[in-house]
Protein backbone atom coordinates (compact mmCIF):
# COMPACT_ATOMS: atom_id res chain seq x y z
CA MET A 1 7.23 18.94 25.31
CA GLU A 2 6.40 15.31 26.48
CA THR A 3 4.17 14.87 22.87
CA ILE A 4 7.04 15.90 20.66
CA THR A 5 9.90 13.47 22.69
CA ILE A 6 7.12 10.82 22.02
CA VAL A 7 7.49 11.47 18.32
CA LEU A 8 10.62 11.66 18.24
CA LEU A 9 10.88 8.44 19.83
CA LEU A 10 8.92 7.09 17.83
CA LEU A 11 10.96 7.73 14.46
CA LEU A 12 14.04 6.36 16.50
CA ALA A 13 12.26 2.79 16.65
CA VAL A 14 11.37 2.99 13.11
CA ILE A 15 15.04 3.47 12.12
CA LEU A 16 15.72 1.16 14.33
CA SER A 17 13.52 -1.65 12.90
CA GLY A 18 14.94 -1.37 9.82
CA ILE A 19 18.23 -1.68 10.72
CA LEU A 20 16.99 -4.80 12.74
CA SER A 21 15.51 -6.17 9.87
CA ARG A 22 18.39 -6.32 7.87
CA VAL A 23 20.81 -7.39 10.77
CA VAL A 24 18.47 -10.41 12.23
CA PRO A 25 18.71 -13.26 9.46
CA LEU A 26 15.62 -14.16 10.39
CA PRO A 27 13.04 -13.74 7.16
CA LEU A 28 10.67 -11.77 9.30
CA PRO A 29 9.16 -8.38 7.81
CA ARG A 30 9.58 -5.13 9.43
CA PRO A 31 6.17 -4.83 10.73
CA LEU A 32 7.34 -7.55 13.53
CA PHE A 33 10.25 -5.47 14.61
CA GLN A 34 8.02 -2.34 15.04
CA ILE A 35 5.69 -4.17 17.16
CA ALA A 36 8.72 -5.41 19.05
CA LEU A 37 10.01 -2.05 19.44
CA GLY A 38 7.12 -0.55 20.40
CA GLY A 39 6.43 -3.41 22.95
CA VAL A 40 9.57 -2.57 24.80
CA ILE A 41 9.03 1.57 24.05
CA GLY A 42 5.33 0.30 26.18
CA LEU A 43 7.03 -1.47 28.73
CA VAL A 44 10.16 0.67 29.33
CA ALA A 45 9.49 4.20 29.58
CA ASP A 46 6.64 5.94 31.18
CA TRP A 47 4.65 7.39 28.13
CA ARG A 48 1.54 6.02 27.32
CA VAL A 49 0.15 7.25 23.60
CA THR A 50 -4.24 7.31 23.70
CA LEU A 51 -5.24 6.13 20.56
CA ASP A 52 -7.96 8.34 19.13
CA PRO A 53 -9.21 6.33 16.52
CA GLU A 54 -10.68 9.40 14.20
CA ILE A 55 -6.91 10.85 14.54
CA PHE A 56 -5.52 7.78 13.79
CA PHE A 57 -7.46 6.89 10.92
CA LEU A 58 -7.36 11.15 9.71
CA LEU A 59 -3.30 10.85 10.28
CA PHE A 60 -2.01 7.92 8.92
CA LEU A 61 -4.25 6.12 6.46
CA PRO A 62 -5.33 8.75 4.17
CA PRO A 63 -1.80 9.15 2.76
CA LEU A 64 -1.02 5.95 2.97
CA LEU A 65 -4.31 4.65 1.21
CA PHE A 66 -3.90 7.52 -1.36
CA LEU A 67 -0.37 6.32 -2.49
CA ASP A 68 -1.18 2.76 -3.05
CA GLY A 69 -4.13 3.78 -4.81
CA TRP A 70 -2.12 6.75 -6.87
CA ARG A 71 0.87 3.36 -7.62
CA ILE A 72 -1.31 0.02 -7.64
CA PRO A 73 -1.40 -0.67 -11.95
CA ARG A 74 -4.91 0.26 -12.94
CA GLU A 75 -4.84 -1.61 -15.61
CA GLU A 76 -4.04 -4.77 -13.95
CA LEU A 77 -6.67 -3.63 -11.24
CA PHE A 78 -9.49 -3.69 -13.77
CA LYS A 79 -8.41 -6.91 -15.44
CA ASP A 80 -8.89 -8.95 -12.27
CA GLY A 81 -11.64 -6.15 -11.33
CA LYS A 82 -14.15 -9.51 -10.22
CA THR A 83 -12.16 -10.96 -8.48
CA VAL A 84 -11.45 -8.23 -6.45
CA LEU A 85 -14.67 -7.44 -5.75
CA GLU A 86 -15.28 -10.94 -4.51
CA LEU A 87 -12.91 -10.88 -2.29
CA ALA A 88 -13.51 -6.99 -1.13
CA LEU A 89 -17.48 -7.19 -0.73
CA GLY A 90 -18.36 -10.77 -0.75
CA LEU A 91 -15.00 -12.43 1.18
CA VAL A 92 -15.89 -9.71 4.03
CA VAL A 93 -19.50 -10.36 4.21
CA PHE A 94 -18.87 -13.78 4.45
CA THR A 95 -15.98 -13.66 7.01
CA VAL A 96 -18.30 -11.64 9.01
CA VAL A 97 -21.53 -13.62 9.13
CA GLY A 98 -19.15 -16.95 9.88
CA MET A 99 -16.94 -15.83 11.99
CA GLY A 100 -19.39 -13.98 14.33
CA PHE A 101 -21.37 -17.48 14.79
CA LEU A 102 -18.25 -19.06 15.76
CA ILE A 103 -16.87 -16.42 18.27
CA ASN A 104 -20.38 -16.55 19.71
CA TRP A 105 -19.73 -20.04 20.18
CA MET A 106 -16.96 -20.25 21.33
CA ILE A 107 -17.37 -17.35 23.73
CA PRO A 108 -20.85 -17.37 25.16
CA SER A 109 -20.38 -14.82 27.42
CA MET A 110 -19.69 -12.11 24.56
CA PRO A 111 -22.78 -10.90 23.10
CA LEU A 112 -23.78 -11.53 19.44
CA ALA A 113 -23.78 -8.09 18.20
CA VAL A 114 -20.30 -8.01 20.01
CA ALA A 115 -18.82 -11.18 18.22
CA PHE A 116 -19.98 -9.82 14.58
CA ALA A 117 -18.51 -6.36 15.49
CA LEU A 118 -14.94 -7.96 16.58
CA ALA A 119 -15.39 -10.16 12.95
CA ALA A 120 -16.63 -7.19 11.01
CA VAL A 121 -12.97 -5.38 11.83
CA ILE A 122 -10.72 -8.86 11.22
CA SER A 123 -12.84 -9.08 8.41
CA PRO A 124 -10.67 -6.81 6.02
CA THR A 125 -7.18 -6.81 5.26
CA ASP A 126 -4.70 -4.43 5.28
CA PRO A 127 -2.86 -2.80 2.55
CA ILE A 128 -0.19 -1.86 4.50
CA ALA A 129 0.32 -5.19 6.27
CA VAL A 130 0.44 -6.50 2.82
CA SER A 131 3.01 -4.36 1.57
CA ALA A 132 5.08 -4.81 4.31
CA ILE A 133 5.28 -8.48 3.90
CA ALA A 134 5.62 -8.11 0.21
CA GLN A 135 9.06 -6.36 0.65
CA ARG A 136 10.56 -9.61 2.37
CA VAL A 137 8.74 -12.48 0.22
CA PRO A 138 8.71 -12.70 -3.11
CA ILE A 139 5.12 -12.51 -4.21
CA PRO A 140 3.95 -13.30 -7.82
CA LYS A 141 2.82 -10.04 -9.61
CA ARG A 142 -0.68 -10.79 -10.18
CA MET A 143 -1.13 -12.46 -7.03
CA MET A 144 0.37 -9.13 -5.32
CA HIS A 145 -2.20 -6.73 -7.36
CA ILE A 146 -5.33 -8.66 -6.16
CA LEU A 147 -4.13 -8.63 -2.63
CA GLU A 148 -3.25 -4.57 -3.07
CA GLY A 149 -6.96 -4.70 -5.13
CA GLU A 150 -8.71 -6.59 -2.19
CA SER A 151 -7.33 -4.75 0.72
CA LEU A 152 -7.45 -1.18 -0.98
CA LEU A 153 -11.27 -1.47 -0.97
CA ASN A 154 -12.24 -4.13 1.88
CA ASP A 155 -11.75 -1.16 4.37
CA ALA A 156 -15.60 0.17 3.82
CA SER A 157 -17.26 -3.00 3.55
CA GLY A 158 -15.94 -4.52 6.79
CA LEU A 159 -16.32 -0.67 8.68
CA VAL A 160 -19.68 -0.62 7.51
CA CYS A 161 -20.33 -4.13 8.81
CA LEU A 162 -18.37 -2.96 12.09
CA ARG A 163 -20.77 0.19 12.15
CA PHE A 164 -24.44 -2.02 11.88
CA ALA A 165 -23.05 -4.07 14.23
CA ILE A 166 -22.08 -1.80 17.27
CA ALA A 167 -25.52 0.01 16.62
CA ALA A 168 -27.31 -3.59 17.07
CA ALA A 169 -25.01 -3.85 20.51
CA LEU A 170 -26.45 -0.69 21.71
CA THR A 171 -30.38 -0.74 20.30
CA GLY A 172 -30.82 -4.21 19.81
CA ALA A 173 -32.11 -3.90 16.37
CA PHE A 174 -31.35 -4.14 13.13
CA SER A 175 -32.27 -3.30 9.43
CA ALA A 176 -31.03 -5.30 6.14
CA GLN A 177 -32.55 -3.02 4.11
CA HIS A 178 -30.97 -0.23 5.97
CA ALA A 179 -27.73 -1.46 6.20
CA ALA A 180 -27.42 -2.09 2.24
CA LEU A 181 -28.61 1.33 1.22
CA ASN A 182 -26.34 3.03 3.45
CA PHE A 183 -23.33 0.91 2.58
CA LEU A 184 -24.45 2.22 -0.79
CA TRP A 185 -24.49 5.35 -0.03
CA VAL A 186 -21.07 5.32 2.03
CA ALA A 187 -19.15 3.28 -1.00
CA LEU A 188 -20.18 5.22 -4.23
CA GLY A 189 -20.35 8.65 -2.04
CA GLY A 190 -16.97 8.40 -1.06
CA ILE A 191 -15.90 7.17 -4.48
CA ALA A 192 -17.14 9.88 -6.09
CA ILE A 193 -15.74 12.50 -3.71
CA GLY A 194 -12.44 11.69 -4.10
CA ALA A 195 -12.24 11.02 -7.54
CA GLY A 196 -13.89 14.29 -8.13
CA LEU A 197 -11.57 16.44 -6.23
CA THR A 198 -8.80 15.25 -7.43
CA TRP A 199 -10.10 15.68 -10.91
CA CYS A 200 -11.05 19.21 -9.87
CA VAL A 201 -7.69 19.91 -8.19
CA ALA A 202 -6.00 18.55 -11.31
CA ARG A 203 -7.60 20.99 -13.49
CA ALA A 204 -7.70 24.15 -11.17
CA LYS A 205 -3.37 23.44 -10.97
CA GLY A 206 -2.32 22.55 -14.50
CA VAL A 207 -4.22 26.06 -15.46
CA VAL A 208 -2.25 27.80 -13.08
CA SER A 209 1.13 26.63 -14.07
CA ARG A 210 0.10 26.96 -17.64
CA TYR A 211 -0.47 31.03 -17.21
CA TYR A 212 2.48 31.45 -14.13
CA GLY A 213 4.27 28.63 -14.33
CA GLU A 214 4.55 25.72 -12.41
CA ASP A 215 6.75 26.14 -8.59
CA GLY A 216 7.50 22.64 -7.53
CA GLY A 217 6.90 23.25 -3.83
CA SER A 218 3.16 23.97 -4.46
CA GLN A 219 2.89 20.81 -6.19
CA ILE A 220 4.24 18.50 -4.00
CA LEU A 221 2.32 20.02 -1.09
CA ILE A 222 -1.10 19.79 -3.50
CA SER A 223 -0.39 16.55 -3.63
CA LEU A 224 -0.37 15.93 -0.24
CA LEU A 225 -3.48 17.48 0.55
CA ILE A 226 -5.80 16.00 -1.92
CA PRO A 227 -5.76 12.78 0.50
CA PHE A 228 -6.70 14.23 3.60
CA GLY A 229 -9.43 16.88 1.75
CA SER A 230 -11.10 13.82 0.21
CA TYR A 231 -11.09 11.92 3.86
CA LEU A 232 -12.58 14.79 5.26
CA VAL A 233 -14.91 15.94 2.75
CA ALA A 234 -16.08 12.23 2.94
CA GLU A 235 -16.72 11.83 6.40
CA HIS A 236 -18.62 15.10 6.15
CA LEU A 237 -20.38 13.85 4.34
CA HIS A 238 -21.01 10.59 6.15
CA CYS A 239 -19.49 8.48 3.18
CA SER A 240 -16.70 6.47 3.40
CA GLY A 241 -13.29 8.61 3.91
CA ILE A 242 -11.69 5.31 3.36
CA LEU A 243 -12.80 5.04 -0.38
CA ALA A 244 -12.64 8.38 -0.85
CA ALA A 245 -8.65 8.89 -0.26
CA VAL A 246 -8.68 5.28 -2.53
CA ALA A 247 -10.63 6.87 -5.21
CA ALA A 248 -8.56 10.10 -5.28
CA GLY A 249 -5.34 7.99 -5.56
CA LEU A 250 -6.58 5.96 -8.07
CA ALA A 251 -7.73 9.49 -9.91
CA MET A 252 -4.52 10.87 -9.51
CA GLY A 253 -2.92 8.38 -11.61
CA PHE A 254 -5.20 9.11 -14.47
CA VAL A 255 -4.49 12.94 -14.53
CA GLU A 256 -0.97 12.53 -14.11
CA THR A 257 -1.16 10.80 -17.98
CA SER A 258 -1.59 14.55 -19.17
CA GLY A 259 2.30 14.85 -17.96
CA GLU A 260 1.98 18.92 -17.66
CA LEU A 261 4.65 18.11 -14.28
CA GLU A 262 8.36 18.81 -14.76
CA ALA A 263 10.53 16.15 -14.47
CA THR A 264 12.46 17.49 -11.80
CA THR A 265 9.52 18.08 -9.33
CA ARG A 266 7.94 14.33 -10.29
CA ILE A 267 11.43 13.45 -8.77
CA ARG A 268 10.89 15.61 -5.74
CA ARG A 269 7.65 14.55 -4.89
CA ASN A 270 8.42 10.72 -5.33
CA THR A 271 11.07 11.01 -2.80
CA VAL A 272 9.11 13.36 -0.66
CA TRP A 273 6.13 10.73 -0.59
CA ASP A 274 8.38 7.50 -0.31
CA THR A 275 9.62 8.99 2.90
CA ILE A 276 5.78 9.56 3.92
CA GLN A 277 5.40 5.94 2.87
CA PHE A 278 7.87 4.73 5.46
CA THR A 279 7.78 6.84 8.38
CA ALA A 280 4.00 6.47 8.57
CA ASN A 281 3.88 2.69 8.22
CA GLY A 282 6.42 2.56 10.92
CA ILE A 283 4.99 4.72 13.32
CA ILE A 284 1.55 2.20 12.85
CA PHE A 285 3.06 -1.10 13.77
CA VAL A 286 5.35 1.09 16.69
CA LEU A 287 1.96 2.52 17.96
CA LEU A 288 0.48 -0.82 17.65
CA GLY A 289 3.24 -2.65 19.80
CA GLU A 290 3.28 0.35 22.37
CA GLN A 291 -0.45 -0.48 23.00
CA LEU A 292 0.65 -4.07 23.27
CA PRO A 293 1.66 -3.90 27.50
CA ALA A 294 -1.21 -2.12 28.39
CA ILE A 295 -3.57 -4.69 26.72
CA LEU A 296 -1.54 -7.66 28.46
CA ALA A 297 -2.18 -5.53 31.48
CA SER A 298 -5.46 -6.35 31.65
CA ALA A 299 -5.21 -10.50 30.45
CA ALA A 300 -6.35 -11.72 34.09
CA GLU A 301 -9.35 -9.58 33.50
CA THR A 302 -10.17 -10.29 29.96
CA VAL A 303 -9.68 -14.52 31.42
CA ARG A 304 -12.68 -13.69 33.39
CA ILE A 305 -14.89 -12.47 31.32
CA THR A 306 -14.72 -15.73 28.95
CA GLY A 307 -15.35 -17.63 31.81
CA HIS A 308 -11.89 -19.40 32.44
CA HIS A 309 -9.04 -18.74 34.64
CA GLN A 310 -5.86 -19.81 33.07
CA PRO A 311 -4.53 -17.33 30.33
CA TRP A 312 -3.46 -19.43 27.91
CA TRP A 313 -7.00 -19.88 27.35
CA LEU A 314 -6.80 -16.58 25.31
CA ALA A 315 -4.22 -18.00 22.97
CA ILE A 316 -6.33 -20.60 22.13
CA TYR A 317 -8.94 -18.30 20.88
CA VAL A 318 -6.48 -16.25 18.99
CA VAL A 319 -5.51 -19.53 16.89
CA ALA A 320 -9.09 -20.80 16.55
CA ILE A 321 -9.91 -17.32 15.30
CA ASN A 322 -6.98 -17.17 13.18
CA ALA A 323 -7.83 -20.72 12.03
CA GLY A 324 -11.04 -20.31 10.96
CA LEU A 325 -10.47 -17.02 9.20
CA ALA A 326 -7.77 -18.95 7.30
CA ALA A 327 -10.58 -21.83 6.44
CA LEU A 328 -13.13 -19.13 5.27
CA ARG A 329 -10.98 -17.35 2.69
CA PHE A 330 -8.99 -20.38 1.58
CA LEU A 331 -12.71 -21.69 0.56
CA TRP A 332 -13.94 -18.77 -0.78
CA VAL A 333 -10.43 -17.54 -2.66
CA TRP A 334 -11.03 -21.31 -4.25
CA LEU A 335 -14.64 -20.53 -5.62
CA SER A 336 -13.61 -16.99 -6.77
CA PHE A 337 -10.38 -18.22 -8.69
CA ARG A 338 -12.32 -21.04 -10.00
CA LEU A 339 -15.07 -18.71 -11.20
CA THR A 340 -13.03 -15.76 -12.30
CA LEU A 341 -9.46 -16.45 -12.93
CA PHE A 342 -9.55 -20.11 -14.16
CA ARG A 343 -12.59 -20.23 -16.62
CA ALA A 344 -13.48 -22.21 -19.05
CA GLY A 345 -11.74 -22.48 -22.37
CA GLN A 346 -8.23 -21.89 -20.47
CA PRO A 347 -5.75 -24.29 -20.05
CA GLN A 348 -6.33 -25.21 -16.45
CA ARG A 349 -9.78 -24.74 -15.06
CA THR A 350 -9.00 -25.68 -11.15
CA PRO A 351 -7.30 -23.26 -9.23
CA ASN A 352 -3.82 -24.55 -7.59
CA TRP A 353 -4.00 -25.43 -4.12
CA ARG A 354 -0.68 -23.81 -3.92
CA ILE A 355 -1.87 -20.34 -5.12
CA VAL A 356 -5.20 -20.52 -2.97
CA ALA A 357 -3.34 -21.46 0.14
CA ALA A 358 -0.67 -18.26 -0.61
CA MET A 359 -4.02 -15.66 -1.16
CA SER A 360 -5.08 -16.94 2.51
CA PHE A 361 -1.96 -17.04 3.74
CA ALA A 362 -0.60 -13.71 2.66
CA GLY A 363 -4.76 -12.22 4.00
CA VAL A 364 -2.64 -10.23 6.99
CA ARG A 365 -4.57 -8.03 9.03
CA GLY A 366 -2.96 -4.79 10.38
CA ALA A 367 -3.64 -0.94 11.24
CA ILE A 368 -7.26 -1.29 9.80
CA THR A 369 -8.19 -3.98 12.31
CA LEU A 370 -6.66 -1.76 15.02
CA ALA A 371 -8.36 1.47 14.46
CA GLY A 372 -11.33 -0.47 13.84
CA VAL A 373 -11.77 -1.91 17.14
CA LEU A 374 -10.99 0.79 19.09
CA THR A 375 -13.91 2.32 18.12
CA LEU A 376 -15.93 0.25 20.36
CA PRO A 377 -17.46 2.61 22.49
CA LEU A 378 -16.75 1.92 25.95
CA THR A 379 -20.76 2.49 27.28
CA LEU A 380 -23.75 1.12 26.25
CA ALA A 381 -27.14 3.29 25.99
CA ASP A 382 -28.14 2.66 29.38
CA GLY A 383 -24.87 3.94 30.81
CA ALA A 384 -23.56 0.31 31.45
CA PRO A 385 -20.09 -0.95 29.99
CA PHE A 386 -20.06 -2.13 26.55
CA PRO A 387 -19.89 -5.74 27.16
CA ALA A 388 -16.44 -7.51 26.22
CA ARG A 389 -14.53 -4.54 24.73
CA ASP A 390 -11.48 -5.46 26.58
CA LEU A 391 -12.10 -9.14 25.55
CA ALA A 392 -12.31 -7.79 21.62
CA ILE A 393 -9.32 -5.26 21.96
CA PHE A 394 -6.90 -8.07 23.32
CA LEU A 395 -8.22 -10.99 20.78
CA ALA A 396 -7.81 -8.64 17.74
CA MET A 397 -4.27 -7.34 18.82
CA GLY A 398 -3.12 -11.46 19.00
CA VAL A 399 -4.78 -12.06 15.20
CA ILE A 400 -2.83 -8.97 14.09
CA ILE A 401 0.01 -10.35 15.30
CA MET A 402 -0.43 -13.65 14.54
CA SER A 403 -1.54 -13.21 10.82
CA LEU A 404 2.08 -11.44 10.60
CA ALA A 405 3.82 -14.14 11.53
CA VAL A 406 1.88 -16.57 9.90
CA ALA A 407 2.21 -14.49 7.00
CA SER A 408 6.14 -14.64 7.20
CA VAL A 409 6.88 -17.65 7.82
CA GLY A 410 4.02 -19.54 5.64
CA LEU A 411 4.73 -17.33 2.04
CA PRO A 412 8.37 -18.35 1.16
CA VAL A 413 7.01 -21.77 1.54
CA LEU A 414 4.00 -21.70 -0.75
CA LEU A 415 5.49 -19.54 -3.20
CA ARG A 416 8.49 -21.02 -3.84
CA GLY A 417 8.62 -21.93 -7.53
CA LEU A 418 4.76 -20.99 -7.93
CA GLN A 419 4.01 -18.96 -11.18
CA MET A 420 -0.23 -17.57 -11.19
CA PRO A 421 -1.26 -17.77 -15.25
CA GLU A 422 -0.45 -14.06 -16.49
CA PRO A 423 0.34 -12.62 -19.66
CA SER A 424 3.94 -11.38 -20.55
CA HIS A 425 4.43 -7.42 -20.95
CA LEU A 426 7.35 -7.86 -23.16
CA ALA A 427 5.49 -7.23 -26.58
CA GLU A 428 3.56 -4.10 -24.85
CA GLU A 429 6.71 -2.78 -23.63
CA ASP A 430 8.63 -2.99 -26.99
CA ALA A 431 5.84 -1.28 -29.06
CA ALA A 432 6.03 1.42 -26.33
CA ARG A 433 9.38 1.45 -26.54
CA LEU A 434 9.70 1.96 -30.95
CA ALA A 435 6.95 4.43 -30.58
CA ALA A 436 8.66 6.40 -28.02
CA ALA A 437 11.98 5.94 -30.06
CA GLN A 438 10.28 7.05 -33.25
CA ALA A 439 8.44 9.83 -31.46
CA ALA A 440 11.91 11.60 -30.81
CA ILE A 441 13.61 11.21 -33.72
CA ALA A 442 10.64 13.26 -35.39
CA ALA A 443 11.03 15.66 -32.64
CA VAL A 444 14.78 15.95 -32.57
CA GLU A 445 14.62 16.54 -36.92
CA ARG A 446 12.14 19.33 -36.02
CA ALA A 447 14.37 20.99 -33.22
CA GLU A 448 17.47 20.49 -35.55
CA HIS A 449 16.48 22.87 -38.25
CA GLU A 450 14.73 25.53 -36.45
CA MET A 451 17.64 25.61 -34.29
CA ALA A 452 19.71 25.54 -37.65
CA GLU A 453 17.97 28.07 -39.73
CA GLY A 454 20.17 30.63 -40.70
CA ARG A 455 23.05 29.86 -38.99
CA ASP A 456 26.75 30.13 -40.04
CA ASP A 457 27.53 26.78 -37.73
CA ALA A 458 24.30 24.74 -39.00
CA ASP A 459 26.97 21.74 -39.64
CA LEU A 460 26.92 21.38 -35.98
CA TYR A 461 23.63 21.10 -35.26
CA VAL A 462 23.38 18.69 -38.01
CA GLY A 463 25.69 16.46 -36.47
CA ALA A 464 24.46 16.80 -33.41
CA ALA A 465 21.39 15.71 -34.21
CA ALA A 466 22.41 12.91 -36.06
CA ARG A 467 24.25 11.22 -32.93
CA ILE A 468 21.23 11.32 -31.07
CA MET A 469 18.73 9.97 -33.58
CA ASP A 470 21.43 7.61 -34.68
CA ALA A 471 21.04 5.70 -30.68
CA TYR A 472 17.56 5.94 -31.36
CA ARG A 473 17.47 4.17 -34.62
CA LYS A 474 19.81 1.85 -33.06
CA ARG A 475 16.75 0.77 -30.16
CA ILE A 476 14.25 0.97 -32.91
CA GLU A 477 16.71 -1.71 -35.16
CA GLY A 478 17.29 -4.04 -31.76
CA ARG A 479 13.39 -4.22 -31.36
CA GLN A 480 12.31 -4.96 -34.52
CA GLY A 481 14.21 -8.23 -34.95
CA THR A 482 13.69 -11.88 -34.18
CA THR A 483 13.20 -13.57 -30.72
CA GLU A 484 16.85 -14.16 -30.15
CA GLU A 485 17.78 -10.82 -31.53
CA ARG A 486 15.56 -9.17 -29.37
CA ALA A 487 17.22 -10.92 -26.19
CA THR A 488 20.60 -10.50 -27.25
CA VAL A 489 19.40 -6.81 -27.17
CA ARG A 490 18.12 -6.98 -24.09
CA LEU A 491 21.17 -8.51 -22.65
CA LEU A 492 23.01 -5.62 -24.56
CA GLU A 493 21.01 -3.26 -22.60
CA ARG A 494 21.62 -4.42 -19.50
CA ILE A 495 25.11 -5.31 -19.74
CA ASP A 496 25.49 -1.32 -21.20
CA ARG A 497 23.41 -0.28 -18.20
CA ASP A 498 25.45 -2.03 -15.41
CA LEU A 499 28.93 -0.19 -17.24
CA ARG A 500 27.12 3.01 -16.84
CA LEU A 501 26.24 2.75 -13.18
CA ALA A 502 30.01 1.38 -12.28
CA ALA A 503 30.77 4.95 -14.35
CA LEU A 504 28.20 6.94 -12.53
CA ARG A 505 29.22 5.53 -8.99
CA ALA A 506 33.13 6.12 -10.31
CA GLU A 507 32.09 9.82 -11.00
CA ARG A 508 31.14 10.65 -7.93
CA THR A 509 33.48 8.98 -5.95
CA GLU A 510 35.85 10.72 -7.27
CA ILE A 511 33.56 14.09 -7.17
CA TYR A 512 33.37 13.54 -3.29
CA ARG A 513 37.17 12.78 -3.18
CA LEU A 514 38.06 16.12 -4.41
CA VAL A 515 35.37 17.92 -2.26
CA ARG A 516 37.49 16.08 0.85
CA GLN A 517 40.57 17.35 -0.50
CA ARG A 518 38.90 20.95 -1.20
CA LYS A 519 40.04 20.82 -4.39
CA LEU A 520 36.21 21.46 -5.37
CA GLY A 521 33.56 23.60 -3.97
CA SER A 522 30.48 22.10 -2.03
CA ALA A 523 28.01 23.97 -4.03
CA ILE A 524 29.20 22.43 -7.64
CA ALA A 525 29.50 19.28 -6.12
CA ARG A 526 26.42 19.25 -5.11
CA LYS A 527 25.21 20.41 -8.91
CA LEU A 528 27.34 17.03 -10.54
CA VAL A 529 26.35 14.61 -8.13
CA ARG A 530 22.45 15.91 -7.82
CA GLU A 531 22.79 15.07 -12.04
CA LEU A 532 24.84 12.17 -11.53
CA ASP A 533 21.57 10.81 -9.25
CA LEU A 534 19.25 10.92 -12.23
CA LEU A 535 20.83 9.46 -14.54
CA GLU A 536 22.22 6.85 -12.15
CA ALA A 537 18.02 7.12 -11.48
CA ARG A 538 17.50 6.57 -15.31
CA PHE A 539 19.99 3.32 -15.62
CA ALA A 540 18.96 1.90 -12.04
CA GLY A 541 15.16 1.64 -12.72
């Protein structure tokens, strides 16, 4: 009963955080409100949630990473693939080495291996936190795609570095060759498992649907199980479950292009996944806040580990670590952009400092860092306490909160009026709309002939088909004119969309009024409202 009560309380905190983020006029992302509410729960309630890192990883990360990989524009990710890999692999190693020595220099009482372990858990950026920041800050699309791609892939490299840092702390030995080979197995194995499992499941469910029909509920449930299956199989084979979930999401985007799924199933599935994303994201940060009072309670002992007596030294260390992370990230991003996004032959060969600074500020830490630092063992091989474990947890928590706060304040200033070098996709969109309209006209003509053949009322079919094809021909004519004509067409489409949305909302309001006056049954009302919702989703999208 207590567990159920805790879960319900966490869900209530997620709901309240959404309300507070809209009510409070400050431009703060929802995760900061969720952390604060979690802290209140940790202070007021007698309940304590013991975070088992393995369970935490399994419950929350696979579905969220899978969804991010599924929805990220794959062509944009591959177009900036070099930049993403430089940030996801090179920057992580650069950060682990640089921050490991810096932390050990600042806090000599923390052994070098433990300092490297702390550097490893704070090196990956968090896709969940990045998405939360983007909800309140208008990040340029190309920058957002690079940040998402980086945060999806750097978790594996950071956690592999953590694994070897812990091994070095426990055994006192480290092999670079073994680490490199292990990283290849962990990364490539995880990618292969995630992509392969998704492809096999998609083929199997496609065969079943073709021969026995489609069950929408089963299709949605299958999509929910794929990330967990990929993660568990990869972890069982000692590969990266995180990369397996990401690869499964990317593969899901490819297999979905077959278009075999029914439209209503896709709409229902999107709704389910949106709810899961909102809930899981929120619970992660509420749990993070709920852990904060217990960590602060041991602050006095944590300060003594550093050799000081004043608690404010911990704040100095958190600020210094964040400054070091930002400096290393700024330097690496500048070099990466200089070599990739701003290559020779382009009008602008030197990266704009605001772009580099924005990329540095956007490198926020989150759930991956929290769960990673909690995996630090309690004892060494000889049974002695793991050195500076509480201090590492406190510093990691401080880095998470400060990176979120700094990004919330600094990004809006840096991004105001900022443009990244990204191509326009209007021509590509126009070409797709033309091709789709031409295919629709051909399909209507074929269907009209088949339906009207041998019927006495064939004129009715011809008239209905003509009306539909006229609408498509108008779309084609509007997309084939000059630039000014196409701009006028887009303006007319926007006006038409706004008018249609106003009409649909009026229809829905009237239906609800009829229900309240008991002039319309609830079953018919639900059917009509669902039809209106589908139309509104079409025009609003």
